[in-house]
Structure formats: C-alpha cells, structure tokens
C-alpha cells in the first residue's frame, strides 16, 4: 500500500484524498445514507481502508478497521465525514475507533445530522483521541451535497437536466423530440440519475415521450441490484394521469409513482425530504417545468 513522507499537513491532505477516493466507491449505492470513506495509517503506511457500500451495511470505519486489524492500535484514521455516535441500523463508528485504540482521527467535515452534529468528535476527545477537523472539507462535501443540504435546511439539493439547441429549442417545431446530446452527455445523465433519490418530470413529458427514467447501470460499472431506484414524481396539476396496470405510459404502470397535483413545488421538495428521504432531486422535464424551478 502507498507510503508518503512529508509535513503533517501534506500527509493529512494526501491520506484524506485517499479516503475521498474510497468514498466515491459508494457514490451510487448508499442512498439515503451519505457516502463515506476511511483510511487507517500506521507509520505513514495505509494499513486499512474501506467505504460505506449501502444503507444498513457496516460503515467505512468498520471495514477499514477490520482490514487494519491490530495495526490500528496507535494509528491515525482519516474519515471523510464525522464518525457517527448513535446506534441506528449499525453500531456507532466513534466507539469502533475508540475500541480499536487509534491515536488520532482526522475528519474532513462535521456531520450536520442532528443525531451526530459534533457528538462523534466529543466521544473521541473524551476517550483521549486527538481529533483534527477540516482537511479537504470542500472536496469531501461535494460528494454529499444533497445529504448535507437536507440535514441543514430540510430541503433537497436539486439538479435540472435539460437539453437545448443553440437557439434555445428543446424540441422540433412539430413537437417531435430528437436526440441532440452526445453519448458522453447521456452517460452523465445516468450517473446523475443514479445519485438521485427522486426524479421529477411533468405530465406533458410523460404523454409526449413515455420515458422510463430508469438507471442504466451497465454504464456505471455497478451491479443493477445494488442501485436503489429513484422515486418518480410526475407533476400533474390537471390530473391527466393516474396509475393503471394497463396504462399506455410506463411511469403510470409503476405502483410507486407519485402524482403531484398542486403548484406548490416548495412543499413537494420538503415532502420528498421529510417523507421519502430523497436528498438529491433531479428534474427531467420540458421547458415549462424547468422554468418553474
């Protein structure tokens, strides 16, 4: 495994970047949990590393400590998000680090989740562990924009996808749709869909294009069964659509599609966070819906 010998700050940045790369391995599979990576370093050598793969499964620190084994004693742990301090579907990661007898923990950023919010750092310090916070914070937080915004504001992080020609057109004059984006752009859409807890579209788009809005995981290098399906929301103020197994439209044949019948998009976004734990939202619709956002 890699070794490095520089100043403390340079070392911290180097090993935190390795932890960030670990976190990216869970980018499409952890929803609604944040992506987290951890690297355990002993005498400037990486002796353990891990990432959080999926909600309900062990966190990054647990995998890294397991790989490190006894070499975690007196080591430094680099974690991209503050270790949790509460018992949920898995035990607290802060306690796992304490039990492993690590000497120091370096954290990219604090977890604004009210169940954590500094408590993880407090536990570590109470156990006599040296804690450093704020290494590559911006880079680490970029992986969890939706989660962090939802924890801080109870609103999701919204991305808008729209394809337009140079003259601002989203369809031909006849209303017919044609591909105007490159293969690379369409692959990027799959990545954004895979990171999204919900996809919002409009009834006009459903009727005109009959989209699936699914994640084609063969373009992501991730097994299909590991990617949670985004929640589909159809804006349908005029009540033109409804669920039916015999519907002409694929999204209407899905039993979990949400039909939003009002103009209150703020309430919709708050509902997606509060009731569905959708922290990253993608809007894929025509110009009218896009303009509403």
C-alpha atoms as a PDB file:
ATOM      1  CA  UNK A   1       0.000   0.000   0.000  1.00  0.00           C
ATOM      2  CA  UNK A   2       1.181   3.601  -0.574  1.00  0.00           C
ATOM      3  CA  UNK A   3       3.514   5.428   1.786  1.00  0.00           C
ATOM      4  CA  UNK A   4       4.457   9.109   1.946  1.00  0.00           C
ATOM      5  CA  UNK A   5       6.841  11.232   3.997  1.00  0.00           C
ATOM      6  CA  UNK A   6       6.029  14.946   4.107  1.00  0.00           C
ATOM      7  CA  UNK A   7       4.911  17.554   6.624  1.00  0.00           C
ATOM      8  CA  UNK A   8       1.895  16.746   8.815  1.00  0.00           C
ATOM      9  CA  UNK A   9      -0.454  18.968   6.779  1.00  0.00           C
ATOM     10  CA  UNK A  10       0.691  17.496   3.483  1.00  0.00           C
ATOM     11  CA  UNK A  11       0.321  13.986   4.881  1.00  0.00           C
ATOM     12  CA  UNK A  12      -3.162  14.746   6.131  1.00  0.00           C
ATOM     13  CA  UNK A  13      -4.227  16.072   2.740  1.00  0.00           C
ATOM     14  CA  UNK A  14      -2.707  13.108   0.919  1.00  0.00           C
ATOM     15  CA  UNK A  15      -4.335  10.450   3.054  1.00  0.00           C
ATOM     16  CA  UNK A  16      -7.657  12.309   3.172  1.00  0.00           C
ATOM     17  CA  UNK A  17      -7.672  12.312  -0.619  1.00  0.00           C
ATOM     18  CA  UNK A  18      -7.266   8.533  -0.488  1.00  0.00           C
ATOM     19  CA  UNK A  19     -10.251   8.390   1.872  1.00  0.00           C
ATOM     20  CA  UNK A  20     -12.264  10.525  -0.557  1.00  0.00           C
ATOM     21  CA  UNK A  21     -11.414   8.111  -3.368  1.00  0.00           C
ATOM     22  CA  UNK A  22     -12.680   5.285  -1.156  1.00  0.00           C
ATOM     23  CA  UNK A  23     -15.911   7.191  -0.518  1.00  0.00           C
ATOM     24  CA  UNK A  24     -16.532   7.523  -4.259  1.00  0.00           C
ATOM     25  CA  UNK A  25     -16.843   3.739  -4.500  1.00  0.00           C
ATOM     26  CA  UNK A  26     -20.232   4.033  -2.782  1.00  0.00           C
ATOM     27  CA  UNK A  27     -21.423   7.003  -4.805  1.00  0.00           C
ATOM     28  CA  UNK A  28     -24.408   5.268  -6.419  1.00  0.00           C
ATOM     29  CA  UNK A  29     -25.419   2.777  -3.746  1.00  0.00           C
ATOM     30  CA  UNK A  30     -25.648   4.380  -0.291  1.00  0.00           C
ATOM     31  CA  UNK A  31     -28.874   6.408  -0.573  1.00  0.00           C
ATOM     32  CA  UNK A  32     -30.308   7.735   1.657  1.00  0.00           C
ATOM     33  CA  UNK A  33     -27.075   7.496   3.641  1.00  0.00           C
ATOM     34  CA  UNK A  34     -24.112   9.730   2.821  1.00  0.00           C
ATOM     35  CA  UNK A  35     -21.063   8.329   1.056  1.00  0.00           C
ATOM     36  CA  UNK A  36     -18.112   7.927   3.428  1.00  0.00           C
ATOM     37  CA  UNK A  37     -14.557   6.675   3.040  1.00  0.00           C
ATOM     38  CA  UNK A  38     -11.954   5.814   5.662  1.00  0.00           C
ATOM     39  CA  UNK A  39      -8.221   5.113   5.571  1.00  0.00           C
ATOM     40  CA  UNK A  40      -6.159   3.824   8.529  1.00  0.00           C
ATOM     41  CA  UNK A  41      -2.500   4.907   8.526  1.00  0.00           C
ATOM     42  CA  UNK A  42       0.296   3.466  10.680  1.00  0.00           C
ATOM     43  CA  UNK A  43       3.837   4.872  10.381  1.00  0.00           C
ATOM     44  CA  UNK A  44       2.944   6.643   7.112  1.00  0.00           C
ATOM     45  CA  UNK A  45       1.608   3.426   5.571  1.00  0.00           C
ATOM     46  CA  UNK A  46      -2.005   2.658   4.711  1.00  0.00           C
ATOM     47  CA  UNK A  47      -2.893  -0.465   6.685  1.00  0.00           C
ATOM     48  CA  UNK A  48      -6.659  -0.425   6.197  1.00  0.00           C
ATOM     49  CA  UNK A  49      -9.253   1.240   4.009  1.00  0.00           C
ATOM     50  CA  UNK A  50     -12.966   0.999   3.400  1.00  0.00           C
ATOM     51  CA  UNK A  51     -16.145   2.710   2.266  1.00  0.00           C
ATOM     52  CA  UNK A  52     -19.821   2.572   3.170  1.00  0.00           C
ATOM     53  CA  UNK A  53     -21.478   0.450   0.455  1.00  0.00           C
ATOM     54  CA  UNK A  54     -25.173   0.544   1.314  1.00  0.00           C
ATOM     55  CA  UNK A  55     -27.671   1.655   3.967  1.00  0.00           C
ATOM     56  CA  UNK A  56     -27.889  -0.975   6.688  1.00  0.00           C
ATOM     57  CA  UNK A  57     -24.428  -2.361   5.982  1.00  0.00           C
ATOM     58  CA  UNK A  58     -21.275  -1.538   8.009  1.00  0.00           C
ATOM     59  CA  UNK A  59     -19.835   1.941   7.734  1.00  0.00           C
ATOM     60  CA  UNK A  60     -16.494   2.862   6.208  1.00  0.00           C
ATOM     61  CA  UNK A  61     -14.644   2.914   9.530  1.00  0.00           C
ATOM     62  CA  UNK A  62     -15.668  -0.650  10.327  1.00  0.00           C
ATOM     63  CA  UNK A  63     -14.344  -2.018   7.034  1.00  0.00           C
ATOM     64  CA  UNK A  64     -11.091  -0.060   7.369  1.00  0.00           C
ATOM     65  CA  UNK A  65     -10.530  -1.188  10.965  1.00  0.00           C
ATOM     66  CA  UNK A  66     -11.240  -4.802  10.046  1.00  0.00           C
ATOM     67  CA  UNK A  67      -8.605  -4.679   7.325  1.00  0.00           C
ATOM     68  CA  UNK A  68      -6.104  -2.966   9.623  1.00  0.00           C
ATOM     69  CA  UNK A  69      -6.571  -5.438  12.485  1.00  0.00           C
ATOM     70  CA  UNK A  70      -4.026  -4.990  15.285  1.00  0.00           C
ATOM     71  CA  UNK A  71      -2.170  -2.423  13.196  1.00  0.00           C
ATOM     72  CA  UNK A  72      -4.944   0.061  14.004  1.00  0.00           C
ATOM     73  CA  UNK A  73      -3.542   0.439  17.541  1.00  0.00           C
ATOM     74  CA  UNK A  74      -1.839   3.842  17.744  1.00  0.00           C
ATOM     75  CA  UNK A  75      -2.735   4.604  14.119  1.00  0.00           C
ATOM     76  CA  UNK A  76      -4.359   7.631  12.502  1.00  0.00           C
ATOM     77  CA  UNK A  77      -7.811   7.257  10.934  1.00  0.00           C
ATOM     78  CA  UNK A  78      -8.796   9.545   8.055  1.00  0.00           C
ATOM     79  CA  UNK A  79     -12.567   9.816   7.617  1.00  0.00           C
ATOM     80  CA  UNK A  80     -14.466  11.929   5.080  1.00  0.00           C
ATOM     81  CA  UNK A  81     -17.408  12.587   7.445  1.00  0.00           C
ATOM     82  CA  UNK A  82     -17.627  12.775  11.230  1.00  0.00           C
ATOM     83  CA  UNK A  83     -17.970   9.251  12.691  1.00  0.00           C
ATOM     84  CA  UNK A  84     -21.487   8.555  13.933  1.00  0.00           C
ATOM     85  CA  UNK A  85     -22.141   8.456  17.668  1.00  0.00           C
ATOM     86  CA  UNK A  86     -25.588   6.843  17.771  1.00  0.00           C
ATOM     87  CA  UNK A  87     -26.886   3.315  17.347  1.00  0.00           C
ATOM     88  CA  UNK A  88     -29.108   3.003  14.304  1.00  0.00           C
ATOM     89  CA  UNK A  89     -29.080   0.094  11.877  1.00  0.00           C
ATOM     90  CA  UNK A  90     -25.380  -0.245  12.725  1.00  0.00           C
ATOM     91  CA  UNK A  91     -23.327   0.452  15.908  1.00  0.00           C
ATOM     92  CA  UNK A  92     -21.590   3.831  16.443  1.00  0.00           C
ATOM     93  CA  UNK A  93     -18.403   4.250  14.410  1.00  0.00           C
ATOM     94  CA  UNK A  94     -16.883   6.566  17.008  1.00  0.00           C
ATOM     95  CA  UNK A  95     -16.972   3.719  19.526  1.00  0.00           C
ATOM     96  CA  UNK A  96     -15.399   1.349  16.995  1.00  0.00           C
ATOM     97  CA  UNK A  97     -12.467   3.742  16.596  1.00  0.00           C
ATOM     98  CA  UNK A  98     -12.150   4.069  20.371  1.00  0.00           C
ATOM     99  CA  UNK A  99     -12.180   0.292  20.880  1.00  0.00           C
ATOM    100  CA  UNK A 100      -9.526  -0.101  18.192  1.00  0.00           C
ATOM    101  CA  UNK A 101      -7.238   2.221  20.198  1.00  0.00           C
ATOM    102  CA  UNK A 102      -6.429   4.566  17.344  1.00  0.00           C
ATOM    103  CA  UNK A 103      -4.321   7.529  18.418  1.00  0.00           C
ATOM    104  CA  UNK A 104      -5.654  10.224  16.104  1.00  0.00           C
ATOM    105  CA  UNK A 105      -8.688  10.811  13.899  1.00  0.00           C
ATOM    106  CA  UNK A 106      -8.654  13.287  11.000  1.00  0.00           C
ATOM    107  CA  UNK A 107     -12.094  14.302   9.718  1.00  0.00           C
ATOM    108  CA  UNK A 108     -12.890  16.207   6.530  1.00  0.00           C
ATOM    109  CA  UNK A 109     -16.124  17.710   7.857  1.00  0.00           C
ATOM    110  CA  UNK A 110     -18.654  17.511  10.667  1.00  0.00           C
ATOM    111  CA  UNK A 111     -21.944  15.676  10.169  1.00  0.00           C
ATOM    112  CA  UNK A 112     -24.916  18.100  10.441  1.00  0.00           C
ATOM    113  CA  UNK A 113     -27.315  15.211  11.096  1.00  0.00           C
ATOM    114  CA  UNK A 114     -28.945  16.126  14.448  1.00  0.00           C
ATOM    115  CA  UNK A 115     -28.178  12.599  15.677  1.00  0.00           C
ATOM    116  CA  UNK A 116     -24.464  13.282  15.241  1.00  0.00           C
ATOM    117  CA  UNK A 117     -23.666  17.026  14.966  1.00  0.00           C
ATOM    118  CA  UNK A 118     -20.381  17.076  16.880  1.00  0.00           C
ATOM    119  CA  UNK A 119     -21.175  14.208  19.229  1.00  0.00           C
ATOM    120  CA  UNK A 120     -18.836  11.874  17.388  1.00  0.00           C
ATOM    121  CA  UNK A 121     -15.939  14.281  17.853  1.00  0.00           C
ATOM    122  CA  UNK A 122     -16.873  14.741  21.512  1.00  0.00           C
ATOM    123  CA  UNK A 123     -16.808  10.980  22.148  1.00  0.00           C
ATOM    124  CA  UNK A 124     -13.410  10.635  20.515  1.00  0.00           C
ATOM    125  CA  UNK A 125     -11.914  13.503  22.502  1.00  0.00           C
ATOM    126  CA  UNK A 126     -13.366  12.184  25.756  1.00  0.00           C
ATOM    127  CA  UNK A 127     -11.550   8.923  25.047  1.00  0.00           C
ATOM    128  CA  UNK A 128      -8.253  10.793  24.751  1.00  0.00           C
ATOM    129  CA  UNK A 129      -8.036  10.586  20.965  1.00  0.00           C
ATOM    130  CA  UNK A 130      -6.529  13.542  19.126  1.00  0.00           C
ATOM    131  CA  UNK A 131      -9.029  14.925  16.603  1.00  0.00           C
ATOM    132  CA  UNK A 132      -8.360  17.186  13.608  1.00  0.00           C
ATOM    133  CA  UNK A 133     -11.299  18.568  11.606  1.00  0.00           C
ATOM    134  CA  UNK A 134     -11.293  20.466   8.318  1.00  0.00           C
ATOM    135  CA  UNK A 135      -8.963  18.646   5.919  1.00  0.00           C
ATOM    136  CA  UNK A 136     -10.194  18.779   2.271  1.00  0.00           C
ATOM    137  CA  UNK A 137     -13.662  19.708   3.524  1.00  0.00           C
ATOM    138  CA  UNK A 138     -14.850  21.155   0.214  1.00  0.00           C
ATOM    139  CA  UNK A 139     -13.836  18.088  -1.780  1.00  0.00           C
ATOM    140  CA  UNK A 140     -15.463  15.725   0.705  1.00  0.00           C
ATOM    141  CA  UNK A 141     -18.687  17.720   0.980  1.00  0.00           C
ATOM    142  CA  UNK A 142     -19.038  17.749  -2.822  1.00  0.00           C
ATOM    143  CA  UNK A 143     -19.823  14.019  -2.602  1.00  0.00           C
ATOM    144  CA  UNK A 144     -22.772  14.603  -0.252  1.00  0.00           C
ATOM    145  CA  UNK A 145     -24.379  17.864  -1.366  1.00  0.00           C
ATOM    146  CA  UNK A 146     -27.911  16.503  -1.045  1.00  0.00           C
ATOM    147  CA  UNK A 147     -27.463  14.854   2.334  1.00  0.00           C
ATOM    148  CA  UNK A 148     -25.727  17.890   3.816  1.00  0.00           C
ATOM    149  CA  UNK A 149     -28.285  20.371   2.482  1.00  0.00           C
ATOM    150  CA  UNK A 150     -31.196  18.242   3.701  1.00  0.00           C
ATOM    151  CA  UNK A 151     -29.714  17.928   7.184  1.00  0.00           C
ATOM    152  CA  UNK A 152     -29.099  21.687   7.360  1.00  0.00           C
ATOM    153  CA  UNK A 153     -32.238  23.054   5.684  1.00  0.00           C
ATOM    154  CA  UNK A 154     -34.734  20.161   5.376  1.00  0.00           C
ATOM    155  CA  UNK A 155     -34.721  20.786   1.613  1.00  0.00           C
ATOM    156  CA  UNK A 156     -33.042  18.695  -1.100  1.00  0.00           C
ATOM    157  CA  UNK A 157     -30.251  19.572  -3.496  1.00  0.00           C
ATOM    158  CA  UNK A 158     -31.922  19.994  -6.905  1.00  0.00           C
ATOM    159  CA  UNK A 159     -30.279  19.397 -10.261  1.00  0.00           C
ATOM    160  CA  UNK A 160     -32.000  20.352 -13.510  1.00  0.00           C
ATOM    161  CA  UNK A 161     -31.292  18.410 -16.684  1.00  0.00           C
ATOM    162  CA  UNK A 162     -32.420  19.990 -19.923  1.00  0.00           C
ATOM    163  CA  UNK A 163     -31.126  19.573 -23.481  1.00  0.00           C
ATOM    164  CA  UNK A 164     -31.438  22.603 -25.758  1.00  0.00           C
ATOM    165  CA  UNK A 165     -30.190  23.580 -29.171  1.00  0.00           C
ATOM    166  CA  UNK A 166     -28.105  26.722 -29.680  1.00  0.00           C
ATOM    167  CA  UNK A 167     -31.290  28.685 -30.377  1.00  0.00           C
ATOM    168  CA  UNK A 168     -32.850  27.520 -27.105  1.00  0.00           C
ATOM    169  CA  UNK A 169     -35.171  24.874 -28.550  1.00  0.00           C
ATOM    170  CA  UNK A 170     -35.989  21.710 -26.593  1.00  0.00           C
ATOM    171  CA  UNK A 171     -37.988  20.055 -29.410  1.00  0.00           C
ATOM    172  CA  UNK A 172     -38.725  20.461 -33.101  1.00  0.00           C
ATOM    173  CA  UNK A 173     -41.428  22.877 -34.227  1.00  0.00           C
ATOM    174  CA  UNK A 174     -43.746  19.891 -34.730  1.00  0.00           C
ATOM    175  CA  UNK A 175     -43.229  18.923 -31.092  1.00  0.00           C
ATOM    176  CA  UNK A 176     -41.264  15.839 -32.094  1.00  0.00           C
ATOM    177  CA  UNK A 177     -38.226  15.067 -29.934  1.00  0.00           C
ATOM    178  CA  UNK A 178     -34.806  14.182 -31.328  1.00  0.00           C
ATOM    179  CA  UNK A 179     -31.516  13.332 -29.636  1.00  0.00           C
ATOM    180  CA  UNK A 180     -29.369  16.455 -29.604  1.00  0.00           C
ATOM    181  CA  UNK A 181     -26.915  15.359 -26.900  1.00  0.00           C
ATOM    182  CA  UNK A 182     -23.759  13.280 -27.245  1.00  0.00           C
ATOM    183  CA  UNK A 183     -23.197   9.792 -25.888  1.00  0.00           C
ATOM    184  CA  UNK A 184     -20.963  11.269 -23.179  1.00  0.00           C
ATOM    185  CA  UNK A 185     -23.734  13.638 -22.077  1.00  0.00           C
ATOM    186  CA  UNK A 186     -26.249  10.792 -21.932  1.00  0.00           C
ATOM    187  CA  UNK A 187     -23.823   8.755 -19.826  1.00  0.00           C
ATOM    188  CA  UNK A 188     -23.548  11.711 -17.453  1.00  0.00           C
ATOM    189  CA  UNK A 189     -27.344  11.681 -17.123  1.00  0.00           C
ATOM    190  CA  UNK A 190     -27.190   8.051 -15.982  1.00  0.00           C
ATOM    191  CA  UNK A 191     -24.658   8.994 -13.312  1.00  0.00           C
ATOM    192  CA  UNK A 192     -26.832  11.846 -12.068  1.00  0.00           C
ATOM    193  CA  UNK A 193     -29.936   9.634 -12.041  1.00  0.00           C
ATOM    194  CA  UNK A 194     -28.078   7.009 -10.034  1.00  0.00           C
ATOM    195  CA  UNK A 195     -27.149   9.619  -7.422  1.00  0.00           C
ATOM    196  CA  UNK A 196     -30.698  10.995  -7.213  1.00  0.00           C
ATOM    197  CA  UNK A 197     -33.240   9.969  -4.605  1.00  0.00           C
ATOM    198  CA  UNK A 198     -36.061  11.294  -6.777  1.00  0.00           C
ATOM    199  CA  UNK A 199     -36.652  12.275 -10.393  1.00  0.00           C
ATOM    200  CA  UNK A 200     -39.308  14.886 -11.151  1.00  0.00           C
ATOM    201  CA  UNK A 201     -40.942  15.131 -14.563  1.00  0.00           C
ATOM    202  CA  UNK A 202     -44.119  16.631 -15.988  1.00  0.00           C
ATOM    203  CA  UNK A 203     -47.279  15.091 -17.371  1.00  0.00           C
ATOM    204  CA  UNK A 204     -46.541  16.668 -20.771  1.00  0.00           C
ATOM    205  CA  UNK A 205     -43.219  14.825 -20.916  1.00  0.00           C
ATOM    206  CA  UNK A 206     -44.866  11.548 -19.913  1.00  0.00           C
ATOM    207  CA  UNK A 207     -47.518  11.892 -22.614  1.00  0.00           C
ATOM    208  CA  UNK A 208     -45.139  13.096 -25.338  1.00  0.00           C
ATOM    209  CA  UNK A 209     -42.123  10.857 -24.689  1.00  0.00           C
ATOM    210  CA  UNK A 210     -43.295   7.970 -22.458  1.00  0.00           C
ATOM    211  CA  UNK A 211     -39.920   7.928 -20.652  1.00  0.00           C
ATOM    212  CA  UNK A 212     -38.733   5.205 -18.287  1.00  0.00           C
ATOM    213  CA  UNK A 213     -36.393   7.484 -16.296  1.00  0.00           C
ATOM    214  CA  UNK A 214     -34.559   4.384 -15.122  1.00  0.00           C
ATOM    215  CA  UNK A 215     -30.886   3.959 -14.272  1.00  0.00           C
ATOM    216  CA  UNK A 216     -28.940   2.043 -16.894  1.00  0.00           C
ATOM    217  CA  UNK A 217     -26.315   0.746 -14.504  1.00  0.00           C
ATOM    218  CA  UNK A 218     -24.303  -1.040 -17.195  1.00  0.00           C
ATOM    219  CA  UNK A 219     -22.857   2.406 -17.912  1.00  0.00           C
ATOM    220  CA  UNK A 220     -21.757   2.877 -14.292  1.00  0.00           C
ATOM    221  CA  UNK A 221     -19.780  -0.267 -13.512  1.00  0.00           C
ATOM    222  CA  UNK A 222     -22.174  -1.120 -10.672  1.00  0.00           C
ATOM    223  CA  UNK A 223     -24.370  -4.198 -10.430  1.00  0.00           C
ATOM    224  CA  UNK A 224     -28.025  -3.255 -11.169  1.00  0.00           C
ATOM    225  CA  UNK A 225     -29.420  -4.743  -7.957  1.00  0.00           C
ATOM    226  CA  UNK A 226     -27.153  -2.530  -5.861  1.00  0.00           C
ATOM    227  CA  UNK A 227     -28.509   0.786  -7.160  1.00  0.00           C
ATOM    228  CA  UNK A 228     -31.661   1.967  -5.353  1.00  0.00           C
ATOM    229  CA  UNK A 229     -34.355   3.037  -7.822  1.00  0.00           C
ATOM    230  CA  UNK A 230     -35.099   6.780  -7.712  1.00  0.00           C
ATOM    231  CA  UNK A 231     -38.566   7.833  -6.596  1.00  0.00           C
ATOM    232  CA  UNK A 232     -40.517   9.052  -9.634  1.00  0.00           C
ATOM    233  CA  UNK A 233     -42.659  12.188  -9.262  1.00  0.00           C
ATOM    234  CA  UNK A 234     -44.990  13.391 -12.025  1.00  0.00           C
ATOM    235  CA  UNK A 235     -46.232  16.970 -11.851  1.00  0.00           C
ATOM    236  CA  UNK A 236     -49.865  16.589 -12.908  1.00  0.00           C
ATOM    237  CA  UNK A 237     -51.845  19.618 -11.773  1.00  0.00           C
ATOM    238  CA  UNK A 238     -54.599  18.942 -14.325  1.00  0.00           C
ATOM    239  CA  UNK A 239     -54.900  15.298 -13.250  1.00  0.00           C
ATOM    240  CA  UNK A 240     -54.310  13.904 -16.707  1.00  0.00           C
ATOM    241  CA  UNK A 241     -52.587  10.750 -15.463  1.00  0.00           C
ATOM    242  CA  UNK A 242     -53.113   8.050 -12.878  1.00  0.00           C
ATOM    243  CA  UNK A 243     -51.800   4.622 -12.003  1.00  0.00           C
ATOM    244  CA  UNK A 244     -53.065   1.747 -14.116  1.00  0.00           C
ATOM    245  CA  UNK A 245     -51.501  -1.592 -14.927  1.00  0.00           C
ATOM    246  CA  UNK A 246     -52.912  -1.154 -18.427  1.00  0.00           C
ATOM    247  CA  UNK A 247     -51.701   2.419 -18.890  1.00  0.00           C
ATOM    248  CA  UNK A 248     -50.135   3.469 -22.169  1.00  0.00           C
ATOM    249  CA  UNK A 249     -47.355   5.130 -20.178  1.00  0.00           C
ATOM    250  CA  UNK A 250     -44.574   3.234 -18.457  1.00  0.00           C
ATOM    251  CA  UNK A 251     -44.355   5.525 -15.432  1.00  0.00           C
ATOM    252  CA  UNK A 252     -48.089   5.171 -14.825  1.00  0.00           C
ATOM    253  CA  UNK A 253     -47.761   1.398 -14.700  1.00  0.00           C
ATOM    254  CA  UNK A 254     -45.380   1.759 -11.756  1.00  0.00           C
ATOM    255  CA  UNK A 255     -47.140   1.435  -8.419  1.00  0.00           C
ATOM    256  CA  UNK A 256     -44.741   3.767  -6.611  1.00  0.00           C
ATOM    257  CA  UNK A 257     -45.032   6.817  -8.882  1.00  0.00           C
ATOM    258  CA  UNK A 258     -46.113   9.968  -7.024  1.00  0.00           C
ATOM    259  CA  UNK A 259     -48.566  12.285  -8.809  1.00  0.00           C
ATOM    260  CA  UNK A 260     -48.238  15.855  -7.528  1.00  0.00           C
ATOM    261  CA  UNK A 261     -51.462  17.750  -8.151  1.00  0.00           C
ATOM    262  CA  UNK A 262     -50.636  21.258  -6.879  1.00  0.00           C
ATOM    263  CA  UNK A 263     -48.373  24.129  -7.967  1.00  0.00           C
ATOM    264  CA  UNK A 264     -46.541  24.223  -4.637  1.00  0.00           C
ATOM    265  CA  UNK A 265     -43.096  22.944  -5.583  1.00  0.00           C
ATOM    266  CA  UNK A 266     -41.577  24.077  -2.289  1.00  0.00           C
ATOM    267  CA  UNK A 267     -43.979  21.789  -0.449  1.00  0.00           C
ATOM    268  CA  UNK A 268     -43.121  18.973  -2.859  1.00  0.00           C
ATOM    269  CA  UNK A 269     -39.397  19.296  -2.203  1.00  0.00           C
ATOM    270  CA  UNK A 270     -39.919  19.444   1.560  1.00  0.00           C
ATOM    271  CA  UNK A 271     -42.182  16.374   1.343  1.00  0.00           C
ATOM    272  CA  UNK A 272     -39.550  14.414  -0.570  1.00  0.00           C
ATOM    273  CA  UNK A 273     -37.031  15.055   2.209  1.00  0.00           C
ATOM    274  CA  UNK A 274     -39.397  14.568   5.144  1.00  0.00           C
ATOM    275  CA  UNK A 275     -41.424  11.576   3.979  1.00  0.00           C
ATOM    276  CA  UNK A 276     -39.202   9.829   1.436  1.00  0.00           C
ATOM    277  CA  UNK A 277     -35.608  10.657   2.469  1.00  0.00           C
ATOM    278  CA  UNK A 278     -34.893  11.954  -1.027  1.00  0.00           C
ATOM    279  CA  UNK A 279     -31.996  14.361  -0.559  1.00  0.00           C
ATOM    280  CA  UNK A 280     -30.805  14.669  -4.175  1.00  0.00           C
ATOM    281  CA  UNK A 281     -33.524  15.510  -6.693  1.00  0.00           C
ATOM    282  CA  UNK A 282     -33.187  15.528 -10.469  1.00  0.00           C
ATOM    283  CA  UNK A 283     -35.646  17.447 -12.649  1.00  0.00           C
ATOM    284  CA  UNK A 284     -36.003  15.903 -16.120  1.00  0.00           C
ATOM    285  CA  UNK A 285     -38.831  17.594 -17.950  1.00  0.00           C
ATOM    286  CA  UNK A 286     -39.769  20.069 -20.643  1.00  0.00           C
ATOM    287  CA  UNK A 287     -39.192  23.798 -20.718  1.00  0.00           C
ATOM    288  CA  UNK A 288     -42.347  24.613 -18.732  1.00  0.00           C
ATOM    289  CA  UNK A 289     -41.449  22.518 -15.704  1.00  0.00           C
ATOM    290  CA  UNK A 290     -37.789  23.505 -15.992  1.00  0.00           C
ATOM    291  CA  UNK A 291     -38.810  27.155 -15.861  1.00  0.00           C
ATOM    292  CA  UNK A 292     -40.833  26.514 -12.700  1.00  0.00           C
ATOM    293  CA  UNK A 293     -37.655  25.507 -10.912  1.00  0.00           C
END
